[in-house]
Amino acid sequence: MIDLMTDRTHDEAKQGEAYAPFNGDPNQYRKRFYIESYGCQMNFSDSEIVASILNKEGFGATRHAEEADLIFINTCSIREKAEQTVRKRLTEFRKLKEEKKGMLVGVLGCMAERLKSKFLEEEKLVDIVVGPDAYRSLPTLVDEAEGGQKAVNVLLSRDETYADISPVRLDSNGVSAFVSIMRGCNNMCSFCVVPFTRGRERSRDAESIINECKDLFERGYSEVTLLGQNVDSYSLPLPPSQGRGTEQFFTFAMLLEKIAQIAPELRVRFSTSHPKDITDDVLHTMAKYENICKYIHLPVQSGSTKILQLMNRTYTREWYMAKVDRIRKIMPDCGISSDIIAGFCTEDEQDHQDTLSIMEYSRYDMSYMFVYSERPGTLAERRFKDDVPEEVKKRRLVEIVELQNRLSLESNRKDIGKTFKILIEGDSKRSDKDWMGRNSQNKVVVFAKEDYQLKKGDYVNVKVEDCTQATLLGKIIN
């Protein structure tokens, strides 16, 4: 299997899969832990919850695995390649265990949930296996593992949101932070393992979310990204005294507005949206507030209605295109990105052409693009035959990537001559003489520092003078 991905991360915003925490004070904690995270932003956010739990148990963070008493990999099961990467890292960590007596290795997250005790019994690679809803049990599991037992807890929950745990911001740039607003997923897309590894959908208490965002702003953060498998379906029942007419639920649009009202200087982003759930209320709220970024990740997966039905995406090609039209009408300057799968079960050449044409229609600024990887336990595995030859999948993926490369470049070229308000996130990765930040549309912008007295977290107006496929290049204007 191959994974090809073209997006804004290829140039300035390139991020590795490994995620290592900051160095803690070596005298503050009795033991050290090390975490690597793979996959979606939710996993990175979960690692910050794990770090908070471990801190309270006397574990401090380290960037170096060989220094750790406790190593965790926070895993992803969405594609086969991600699981292969994790197995390779676990084999490497086993060698460290042989050199350091008492070191423990654990697996967290979706892969832990999917494979459960297989890690402990068959592969003997780890000491601890913990699913996404069981992180509160980590102290007990660590104690069990230190006593020589194999420790596992992969129970899924219908109400766990970790709302009362204040995350430790790992490797933070001090500017942007993730805030989890809900967990799980009810959509049951036939290709996806998430409902089986993260459980049913449940929304976090709104007050705890708003308070966390306020606290981040007061601590100097300039941007929050609200996270969920499907943020648009966020919903909590309103008390009878607060319900107004048909408004019996506190919705994502309401939450978005409350967070935008914390301060005009606090930028708000969110991910991910399911096309069926992003409402006009959300779109109008985004348009109303300048500090809500004009960017929506709107996964299409396929441009063929036939394939969308097999995927259980609950919309047609035409419905999705109408949703894109609606976004463009309410917010003409909104950036849109997507997820695209090449070679799903039964996909023929016309289905593939439908995908290419919907990409052309939607004019995505960037996309995450992959060949279909059958995941054990999914509805697709049980119902359909993975019948598209691997070489056909790869060829179609190459064509998708080539088209997205062109669309991304065309999108960036349209921005030449425009001026954007940029939030400075840090030095450019290629030169400490340049700043790197993003505009409201989530595009990476690089520009010379010159003699301006600026710092991370500042806003600055930048005029775009040139671009690459993935990056806008500009100059500060007064």
Protein backbone atom coordinates (compact mmCIF):
# COMPACT_ATOMS: atom_id res chain seq x y z
CA MET A 1 0.00 0.00 0.00
CA ILE A 2 1.10 3.59 -0.60
CA ASP A 3 -0.11 6.81 0.95
CA LEU A 4 0.25 10.02 -1.01
CA MET A 5 -0.82 13.26 0.57
CA THR A 6 -0.72 16.75 -0.84
CA ASP A 7 -1.56 19.54 1.57
CA ARG A 8 -0.25 22.65 3.23
CA THR A 9 2.09 20.56 5.40
CA HIS A 10 4.43 19.69 2.55
CA ASP A 11 6.39 22.94 2.76
CA GLU A 12 6.45 25.21 5.78
CA ALA A 13 3.91 23.36 7.92
CA LYS A 14 5.38 19.90 7.48
CA GLN A 15 4.91 17.93 10.68
CA GLY A 16 6.39 14.55 11.46
CA GLU A 17 4.34 11.67 12.75
CA ALA A 18 6.27 11.44 15.99
CA TYR A 19 5.17 13.73 18.78
CA ALA A 20 7.58 14.08 21.69
CA PRO A 21 6.75 16.15 24.78
CA PHE A 22 8.70 19.05 26.22
CA ASN A 23 11.49 18.57 28.72
CA GLY A 24 10.31 18.84 32.28
CA ASP A 25 12.31 19.88 35.34
CA PRO A 26 14.39 16.74 36.09
CA ASN A 27 14.15 17.37 39.83
CA GLN A 28 10.38 17.86 39.90
CA TYR A 29 9.29 14.32 39.06
CA ARG A 30 10.34 10.90 40.32
CA LYS A 31 10.09 9.27 36.88
CA ARG A 32 10.00 10.28 33.22
CA PHE A 33 7.59 9.50 30.40
CA TYR A 34 7.81 9.80 26.63
CA ILE A 35 4.89 9.91 24.15
CA GLU A 36 4.71 9.62 20.38
CA SER A 37 1.39 10.30 18.66
CA TYR A 38 0.29 9.22 15.21
CA GLY A 39 -2.80 9.97 13.13
CA CYS A 40 -5.43 12.64 13.66
CA GLN A 41 -5.40 15.78 15.77
CA MET A 42 -7.63 14.03 18.29
CA ASN A 43 -4.74 11.71 19.13
CA PHE A 44 -2.43 14.64 19.74
CA SER A 45 -5.08 16.21 21.96
CA ASP A 46 -5.52 12.92 23.85
CA SER A 47 -1.77 12.77 24.47
CA GLU A 48 -2.07 16.08 26.31
CA ILE A 49 -4.75 14.56 28.55
CA VAL A 50 -2.51 11.55 29.21
CA ALA A 51 0.37 13.89 30.08
CA SER A 52 -1.81 15.68 32.62
CA ILE A 53 -2.80 12.38 34.27
CA LEU A 54 0.81 11.20 34.38
CA ASN A 55 2.06 14.51 35.78
CA LYS A 56 -0.26 14.13 38.76
CA GLU A 57 1.21 10.67 39.37
CA GLY A 58 4.76 12.03 39.54
CA PHE A 59 5.87 11.45 35.95
CA GLY A 60 7.65 14.23 34.09
CA ALA A 61 8.03 14.47 30.32
CA THR A 62 11.17 13.92 28.28
CA ARG A 63 11.96 14.34 24.59
CA HIS A 64 14.31 11.37 24.61
CA ALA A 65 12.89 7.85 24.70
CA GLU A 66 16.09 6.38 26.14
CA GLU A 67 15.66 8.59 29.25
CA ALA A 68 12.11 7.42 29.91
CA ASP A 69 10.83 4.98 32.50
CA LEU A 70 7.51 4.85 30.66
CA ILE A 71 7.05 5.00 26.87
CA PHE A 72 3.66 5.36 25.18
CA ILE A 73 2.68 5.34 21.53
CA ASN A 74 -0.68 6.94 20.85
CA THR A 75 -1.86 5.04 17.81
CA CYS A 76 -4.07 5.33 14.74
CA SER A 77 -5.97 2.53 12.97
CA ILE A 78 -7.45 4.50 10.10
CA ARG A 79 -4.99 3.03 7.56
CA GLU A 80 -2.77 -0.01 7.38
CA LYS A 81 0.38 2.05 6.95
CA ALA A 82 -0.16 3.77 10.31
CA GLU A 83 -0.35 0.41 12.07
CA GLN A 84 2.78 -0.80 10.30
CA THR A 85 4.65 2.28 11.50
CA VAL A 86 3.56 1.65 15.08
CA ARG A 87 4.70 -1.99 14.99
CA LYS A 88 8.10 -0.90 13.73
CA ARG A 89 8.47 1.65 16.55
CA LEU A 90 7.41 -0.92 19.16
CA THR A 91 10.13 -3.27 17.92
CA GLU A 92 12.66 -0.45 18.32
CA PHE A 93 11.42 0.32 21.83
CA ARG A 94 11.74 -3.36 22.79
CA LYS A 95 15.49 -2.98 22.25
CA LEU A 96 15.50 -0.01 24.65
CA LYS A 97 13.66 -2.12 27.23
CA GLU A 98 16.38 -4.74 27.05
CA GLU A 99 18.97 -2.09 27.86
CA LYS A 100 17.06 -0.32 30.65
CA LYS A 101 15.72 -2.44 33.47
CA GLY A 102 12.22 -1.52 34.61
CA MET A 103 11.23 0.43 31.50
CA LEU A 104 7.58 -0.04 30.50
CA VAL A 105 6.10 0.36 27.02
CA GLY A 106 2.42 1.00 26.39
CA VAL A 107 0.05 1.45 23.48
CA LEU A 108 -2.74 4.04 23.63
CA GLY A 109 -5.56 5.01 21.32
CA CYS A 110 -7.39 3.44 18.41
CA MET A 111 -4.94 0.64 17.62
CA ALA A 112 -4.98 -0.39 21.28
CA GLU A 113 -8.77 -0.51 21.15
CA ARG A 114 -8.84 -2.52 17.94
CA LEU A 115 -6.17 -5.12 18.77
CA LYS A 116 -6.75 -5.21 22.52
CA SER A 117 -4.85 -8.04 24.23
CA LYS A 118 -3.15 -9.21 21.01
CA PHE A 119 -0.27 -6.88 21.81
CA LEU A 120 0.16 -8.53 25.21
CA GLU A 121 -0.44 -12.17 24.35
CA GLU A 122 0.77 -12.73 20.80
CA GLU A 123 3.31 -10.06 20.04
CA LYS A 124 4.71 -9.46 23.53
CA LEU A 125 5.77 -5.98 22.49
CA VAL A 126 4.10 -4.00 25.25
CA ASP A 127 3.28 -4.00 28.95
CA ILE A 128 0.23 -1.73 28.92
CA VAL A 129 -2.71 -1.41 26.47
CA VAL A 130 -5.15 1.46 27.00
CA GLY A 131 -8.11 2.48 24.82
CA PRO A 132 -9.18 6.11 24.19
CA ASP A 133 -11.84 6.10 26.92
CA ALA A 134 -9.71 4.51 29.65
CA TYR A 135 -6.94 7.03 30.29
CA ARG A 136 -8.13 7.73 33.83
CA SER A 137 -7.12 4.16 34.71
CA LEU A 138 -3.49 4.74 33.68
CA PRO A 139 -2.13 5.11 37.25
CA THR A 140 -3.59 1.74 38.24
CA LEU A 141 -2.40 0.08 35.02
CA VAL A 142 1.13 1.42 35.48
CA ASP A 143 1.19 0.02 39.02
CA GLU A 144 0.03 -3.35 37.72
CA ALA A 145 2.68 -3.37 35.00
CA GLU A 146 5.41 -2.39 37.46
CA GLY A 147 4.33 -5.41 39.53
CA GLY A 148 4.90 -7.70 36.58
CA GLN A 149 1.33 -7.99 35.36
CA LYS A 150 0.15 -7.30 31.85
CA ALA A 151 -2.20 -4.32 32.14
CA VAL A 152 -5.09 -3.66 29.76
CA ASN A 153 -8.22 -1.49 29.74
CA VAL A 154 -9.98 -0.94 26.45
CA LEU A 155 -13.53 -0.42 27.69
CA LEU A 156 -15.46 2.14 25.67
CA SER A 157 -17.63 4.70 27.42
CA ARG A 158 -20.89 6.41 26.55
CA ASP A 159 -20.14 9.50 28.65
CA GLU A 160 -16.35 9.98 29.03
CA THR A 161 -15.21 13.37 27.68
CA TYR A 162 -12.31 14.19 30.07
CA ALA A 163 -14.02 17.56 30.58
CA ASP A 164 -12.51 18.07 34.04
CA ILE A 165 -8.90 17.36 33.03
CA SER A 166 -6.73 20.33 32.10
CA PRO A 167 -4.45 19.16 29.27
CA VAL A 168 -0.69 19.63 29.47
CA ARG A 169 0.27 21.44 26.25
CA LEU A 170 2.93 19.21 24.73
CA ASP A 171 5.51 20.77 22.43
CA SER A 172 3.29 23.83 22.23
CA ASN A 173 4.34 26.84 20.20
CA GLY A 174 2.49 28.94 22.78
CA VAL A 175 0.25 30.32 20.05
CA SER A 176 -2.17 27.57 18.98
CA ALA A 177 -3.90 24.89 21.04
CA PHE A 178 -6.29 22.01 20.43
CA VAL A 179 -9.52 21.86 22.43
CA SER A 180 -11.54 18.64 22.27
CA ILE A 181 -15.30 19.33 22.26
CA MET A 182 -16.68 15.85 21.64
CA ARG A 183 -15.64 12.23 21.28
CA GLY A 184 -16.74 9.24 19.23
CA CYS A 185 -18.79 9.02 16.04
CA ASN A 186 -22.26 7.78 15.08
CA ASN A 187 -21.93 7.98 11.30
CA MET A 188 -20.86 4.39 10.57
CA CYS A 189 -19.15 5.10 7.24
CA SER A 190 -18.50 1.64 5.86
CA PHE A 191 -14.74 2.17 5.35
CA CYS A 192 -14.07 3.66 8.78
CA VAL A 193 -12.93 1.98 11.99
CA VAL A 194 -13.46 5.03 14.24
CA PRO A 195 -16.93 4.13 15.62
CA PHE A 196 -15.46 0.81 16.77
CA THR A 197 -12.30 2.28 18.30
CA ARG A 198 -13.66 5.53 19.79
CA GLY A 199 -17.23 4.55 20.55
CA ARG A 200 -20.49 6.42 20.33
CA GLU A 201 -20.73 10.16 19.88
CA ARG A 202 -20.96 12.31 23.00
CA SER A 203 -20.56 16.05 23.48
CA ARG A 204 -18.48 17.65 26.20
CA ASP A 205 -20.04 20.11 28.64
CA ALA A 206 -20.13 23.53 26.96
CA GLU A 207 -19.08 25.49 30.04
CA SER A 208 -15.90 23.43 30.42
CA ILE A 209 -15.02 24.05 26.76
CA ILE A 210 -15.60 27.80 27.00
CA ASN A 211 -13.61 28.00 30.25
CA GLU A 212 -10.70 26.10 28.71
CA CYS A 213 -10.65 28.50 25.76
CA LYS A 214 -10.78 31.51 28.10
CA ASP A 215 -7.91 30.09 30.14
CA LEU A 216 -5.81 29.54 27.01
CA PHE A 217 -6.39 33.13 25.89
CA GLU A 218 -5.49 34.47 29.33
CA ARG A 219 -2.29 32.42 29.20
CA GLY A 220 -1.28 34.07 25.94
CA TYR A 221 -2.61 31.69 23.30
CA SER A 222 -3.96 33.40 20.19
CA GLU A 223 -5.75 30.51 18.50
CA VAL A 224 -7.83 27.48 19.44
CA THR A 225 -8.85 24.59 17.19
CA LEU A 226 -12.04 22.83 18.29
CA LEU A 227 -11.74 19.10 17.68
CA GLY A 228 -14.12 16.23 17.18
CA GLN A 229 -14.72 13.36 14.79
CA ASN A 230 -17.69 15.39 13.60
CA VAL A 231 -17.80 18.79 15.31
CA ASP A 232 -20.97 19.95 13.54
CA SER A 233 -23.06 17.34 15.31
CA TYR A 234 -22.10 18.79 18.72
CA SER A 235 -25.32 19.00 20.72
CA LEU A 236 -26.37 19.23 24.35
CA PRO A 237 -29.95 19.42 25.69
CA LEU A 238 -30.89 22.87 26.98
CA PRO A 239 -32.61 23.15 30.37
CA PRO A 240 -36.35 23.93 29.97
CA SER A 241 -35.74 27.45 31.27
CA GLN A 242 -33.25 28.15 28.45
CA GLY A 243 -35.01 26.52 25.51
CA ARG A 244 -36.51 29.01 23.07
CA GLY A 245 -39.14 27.77 20.63
CA THR A 246 -37.56 25.03 18.56
CA GLU A 247 -34.13 25.64 20.11
CA GLN A 248 -34.09 22.77 22.57
CA PHE A 249 -30.39 22.00 22.14
CA PHE A 250 -27.14 23.91 22.56
CA THR A 251 -25.65 23.47 19.09
CA PHE A 252 -22.23 23.76 17.51
CA ALA A 253 -23.18 27.15 16.03
CA MET A 254 -24.01 28.41 19.53
CA LEU A 255 -20.75 27.06 20.94
CA LEU A 256 -18.78 28.61 18.10
CA GLU A 257 -20.33 32.00 18.80
CA LYS A 258 -19.66 31.81 22.55
CA ILE A 259 -16.00 31.07 21.94
CA ALA A 260 -15.67 33.79 19.30
CA GLN A 261 -17.05 36.26 21.85
CA ILE A 262 -14.27 35.53 24.35
CA ALA A 263 -12.04 38.07 22.61
CA PRO A 264 -11.66 39.42 19.06
CA GLU A 265 -7.95 38.56 19.27
CA LEU A 266 -8.65 34.85 19.80
CA ARG A 267 -8.80 33.02 16.50
CA VAL A 268 -11.13 30.03 16.30
CA ARG A 269 -10.77 27.04 13.98
CA PHE A 270 -12.49 23.66 13.96
CA SER A 271 -12.15 20.19 12.46
CA THR A 272 -13.63 17.94 11.16
CA SER A 273 -17.00 18.59 9.47
CA HIS A 274 -19.30 15.96 8.00
CA PRO A 275 -21.05 17.50 4.97
CA LYS A 276 -24.48 16.34 6.15
CA ASP A 277 -24.21 18.21 9.45
CA ILE A 278 -22.72 21.61 8.64
CA THR A 279 -25.75 23.90 8.84
CA ASP A 280 -26.55 27.41 7.65
CA ASP A 281 -26.42 28.46 11.31
CA VAL A 282 -22.77 27.43 11.43
CA LEU A 283 -22.00 29.17 8.14
CA HIS A 284 -23.72 32.41 9.16
CA THR A 285 -21.93 32.37 12.52
CA MET A 286 -18.61 31.97 10.74
CA ALA A 287 -19.44 34.87 8.43
CA LYS A 288 -20.53 37.05 11.36
CA TYR A 289 -17.28 36.90 13.35
CA GLU A 290 -13.97 38.00 11.86
CA ASN A 291 -12.02 35.87 14.34
CA ILE A 292 -13.71 32.62 13.24
CA CYS A 293 -11.44 31.41 10.47
CA LYS A 294 -12.95 31.12 7.01
CA TYR A 295 -11.89 27.55 6.42
CA ILE A 296 -13.84 24.27 6.36
CA HIS A 297 -12.46 20.76 6.04
CA LEU A 298 -15.30 19.07 4.15
CA PRO A 299 -14.37 15.45 3.32
CA VAL A 300 -16.00 14.20 0.12
CA GLN A 301 -14.27 10.76 0.00
CA SER A 302 -15.62 10.09 -3.52
CA GLY A 303 -17.32 12.04 -6.29
CA SER A 304 -19.50 9.09 -7.34
CA THR A 305 -23.00 8.77 -5.92
CA LYS A 306 -22.78 4.99 -6.32
CA ILE A 307 -19.58 4.82 -4.25
CA LEU A 308 -20.88 7.32 -1.70
CA GLN A 309 -23.85 5.05 -1.10
CA LEU A 310 -21.58 2.04 -0.60
CA MET A 311 -19.52 4.15 1.78
CA ASN A 312 -22.72 5.03 3.71
CA ARG A 313 -21.92 8.74 3.45
CA THR A 314 -25.67 9.61 3.37
CA TYR A 315 -25.38 12.22 0.60
CA THR A 316 -25.18 12.24 -3.18
CA ARG A 317 -22.73 13.88 -5.53
CA GLU A 318 -25.27 16.60 -6.36
CA TRP A 319 -26.09 17.24 -2.69
CA TYR A 320 -22.41 17.70 -1.85
CA MET A 321 -21.93 20.13 -4.74
CA ALA A 322 -24.94 22.13 -3.52
CA LYS A 323 -23.32 22.31 -0.06
CA VAL A 324 -20.14 23.71 -1.62
CA ASP A 325 -22.27 26.26 -3.45
CA ARG A 326 -23.95 27.25 -0.18
CA ILE A 327 -20.60 27.77 1.55
CA ARG A 328 -19.36 29.92 -1.34
CA LYS A 329 -22.55 31.99 -1.31
CA ILE A 330 -22.43 32.78 2.40
CA MET A 331 -18.62 33.10 2.56
CA PRO A 332 -17.10 33.73 -0.88
CA ASP A 333 -13.60 33.83 0.61
CA CYS A 334 -13.89 30.53 2.52
CA GLY A 335 -11.14 27.98 2.05
CA ILE A 336 -12.26 24.37 1.56
CA SER A 337 -10.21 21.19 1.87
CA SER A 338 -11.17 17.54 1.59
CA ASP A 339 -10.39 13.85 2.13
CA ILE A 340 -10.39 11.60 -0.94
CA ILE A 341 -10.14 7.81 -1.18
CA ALA A 342 -9.00 6.15 -4.40
CA GLY A 343 -10.07 2.60 -5.29
CA PHE A 344 -12.93 1.87 -2.90
CA CYS A 345 -14.78 -1.40 -3.49
CA THR A 346 -16.34 -1.72 -6.99
CA GLU A 347 -14.98 1.66 -8.10
CA ASP A 348 -14.75 1.77 -11.90
CA GLU A 349 -13.26 4.34 -14.27
CA GLN A 350 -16.45 6.41 -14.43
CA ASP A 351 -16.56 6.58 -10.62
CA HIS A 352 -12.94 7.75 -10.67
CA GLN A 353 -13.74 10.41 -13.27
CA ASP A 354 -16.62 11.57 -11.07
CA THR A 355 -14.14 12.09 -8.25
CA LEU A 356 -11.83 14.13 -10.48
CA SER A 357 -14.72 16.26 -11.69
CA ILE A 358 -16.05 16.99 -8.19
CA MET A 359 -12.54 18.10 -7.24
CA GLU A 360 -12.56 20.49 -10.19
CA TYR A 361 -16.01 21.75 -9.19
CA SER A 362 -15.13 22.26 -5.52
CA ARG A 363 -11.71 23.82 -6.25
CA TYR A 364 -10.16 22.45 -3.06
CA ASP A 365 -7.27 24.44 -1.64
CA MET A 366 -5.74 21.18 -0.44
CA SER A 367 -6.71 17.57 0.17
CA TYR A 368 -5.66 14.47 2.08
CA MET A 369 -5.56 11.66 -0.49
CA PHE A 370 -5.14 7.94 0.01
CA VAL A 371 -5.73 4.59 -1.64
CA TYR A 372 -8.44 2.51 -0.02
CA SER A 373 -7.10 0.34 2.79
CA GLU A 374 -9.52 -2.30 4.04
CA ARG A 375 -9.73 -2.16 7.82
CA PRO A 376 -10.66 -5.24 9.86
CA GLY A 377 -14.05 -5.05 11.55
CA THR A 378 -15.51 -2.32 9.34
CA LEU A 379 -18.81 -2.64 7.50
CA ALA A 380 -16.96 -2.59 4.17
CA GLU A 381 -14.83 -5.57 5.17
CA ARG A 382 -17.93 -7.55 6.09
CA ARG A 383 -20.10 -6.52 3.14
CA PHE A 384 -17.88 -5.83 0.12
CA LYS A 385 -14.97 -7.33 -1.74
CA ASP A 386 -11.85 -5.19 -1.98
CA ASP A 387 -11.80 -5.81 -5.72
CA VAL A 388 -9.88 -2.88 -7.24
CA PRO A 389 -6.36 -4.06 -8.18
CA GLU A 390 -3.57 -2.37 -6.26
CA GLU A 391 -1.90 -1.03 -9.40
CA VAL A 392 -5.21 0.57 -10.46
CA LYS A 393 -5.64 2.14 -7.03
CA LYS A 394 -2.13 3.60 -7.24
CA ARG A 395 -2.64 4.94 -10.74
CA ARG A 396 -5.91 6.62 -9.79
CA LEU A 397 -4.33 8.09 -6.70
CA VAL A 398 -1.52 9.58 -8.76
CA GLU A 399 -4.10 11.23 -11.02
CA ILE A 400 -5.96 12.60 -8.00
CA VAL A 401 -2.75 13.95 -6.50
CA GLU A 402 -1.68 15.55 -9.78
CA LEU A 403 -5.04 17.29 -10.08
CA GLN A 404 -4.93 18.52 -6.48
CA ASN A 405 -1.40 19.82 -7.02
CA ARG A 406 -2.70 21.92 -9.91
CA LEU A 407 -5.74 23.12 -7.96
CA SER A 408 -3.57 24.08 -4.97
CA LEU A 409 -1.18 26.05 -7.15
CA GLU A 410 -4.04 27.80 -8.97
CA SER A 411 -5.66 28.66 -5.63
CA ASN A 412 -2.42 30.13 -4.30
CA ARG A 413 -1.75 32.11 -7.47
CA LYS A 414 -5.13 33.81 -7.08
CA ASP A 415 -3.89 35.18 -3.75
CA ILE A 416 -0.89 36.98 -5.25
CA GLY A 417 -1.40 40.70 -4.71
CA LYS A 418 -3.86 40.20 -1.84
CA THR A 419 -3.19 41.26 1.75
CA PHE A 420 -4.00 38.92 4.64
CA LYS A 421 -4.04 39.20 8.40
CA ILE A 422 -1.52 36.60 9.54
CA LEU A 423 -1.09 35.08 12.99
CA ILE A 424 2.65 34.54 13.52
CA GLU A 425 3.26 30.96 14.69
CA GLY A 426 7.06 30.96 14.71
CA ASP A 427 10.16 30.93 12.57
CA SER A 428 10.01 29.53 9.07
CA LYS A 429 11.49 26.05 9.03
CA ARG A 430 13.86 27.05 6.26
CA SER A 431 15.25 30.25 7.76
CA ASP A 432 15.12 31.97 11.13
CA LYS A 433 15.15 35.26 9.23
CA ASP A 434 11.57 34.58 8.13
CA TRP A 435 8.32 34.26 10.01
CA MET A 436 5.69 31.59 9.31
CA GLY A 437 1.98 31.93 9.99
CA ARG A 438 -1.42 31.15 8.52
CA ASN A 439 -4.22 33.26 7.15
CA SER A 440 -7.89 32.80 7.91
CA GLN A 441 -8.16 30.30 5.05
CA ASN A 442 -5.56 28.07 6.70
CA LYS A 443 -2.89 28.74 4.08
CA VAL A 444 0.73 28.89 5.24
CA VAL A 445 2.38 32.27 4.62
CA VAL A 446 6.12 32.94 4.88
CA PHE A 447 7.54 36.46 5.06
CA ALA A 448 10.77 38.21 6.01
CA LYS A 449 11.09 39.50 9.58
CA GLU A 450 12.90 42.66 8.45
CA ASP A 451 13.39 45.13 11.32
CA TYR A 452 9.90 44.90 12.78
CA GLN A 453 9.73 44.14 16.51
CA LEU A 454 7.33 41.23 16.25
CA LYS A 455 6.95 37.97 18.16
CA LYS A 456 5.04 34.70 18.03
CA GLY A 457 1.35 35.28 18.62
CA ASP A 458 1.29 38.72 17.01
CA TYR A 459 -0.99 39.58 14.12
CA VAL A 460 0.48 41.29 11.08
CA ASN A 461 -0.73 42.30 7.63
CA VAL A 462 1.17 40.56 4.84
CA LYS A 463 0.88 41.19 1.11
CA VAL A 464 1.39 38.05 -1.00
CA GLU A 465 4.03 38.52 -3.68
CA ASP A 466 4.66 34.95 -4.83
CA CYS A 467 3.72 31.37 -4.02
CA THR A 468 4.59 27.72 -4.29
CA GLN A 469 2.09 24.89 -4.52
CA ALA A 470 1.79 24.78 -0.72
CA THR A 471 2.99 28.14 0.58
CA LEU A 472 2.26 31.83 0.08
CA LEU A 473 5.30 34.14 0.09
CA GLY A 474 4.79 37.72 1.16
CA LYS A 475 5.98 40.96 2.69
CA ILE A 476 4.87 42.82 5.80
CA ILE A 477 2.97 46.02 5.08
CA ASN A 478 2.39 48.81 7.58
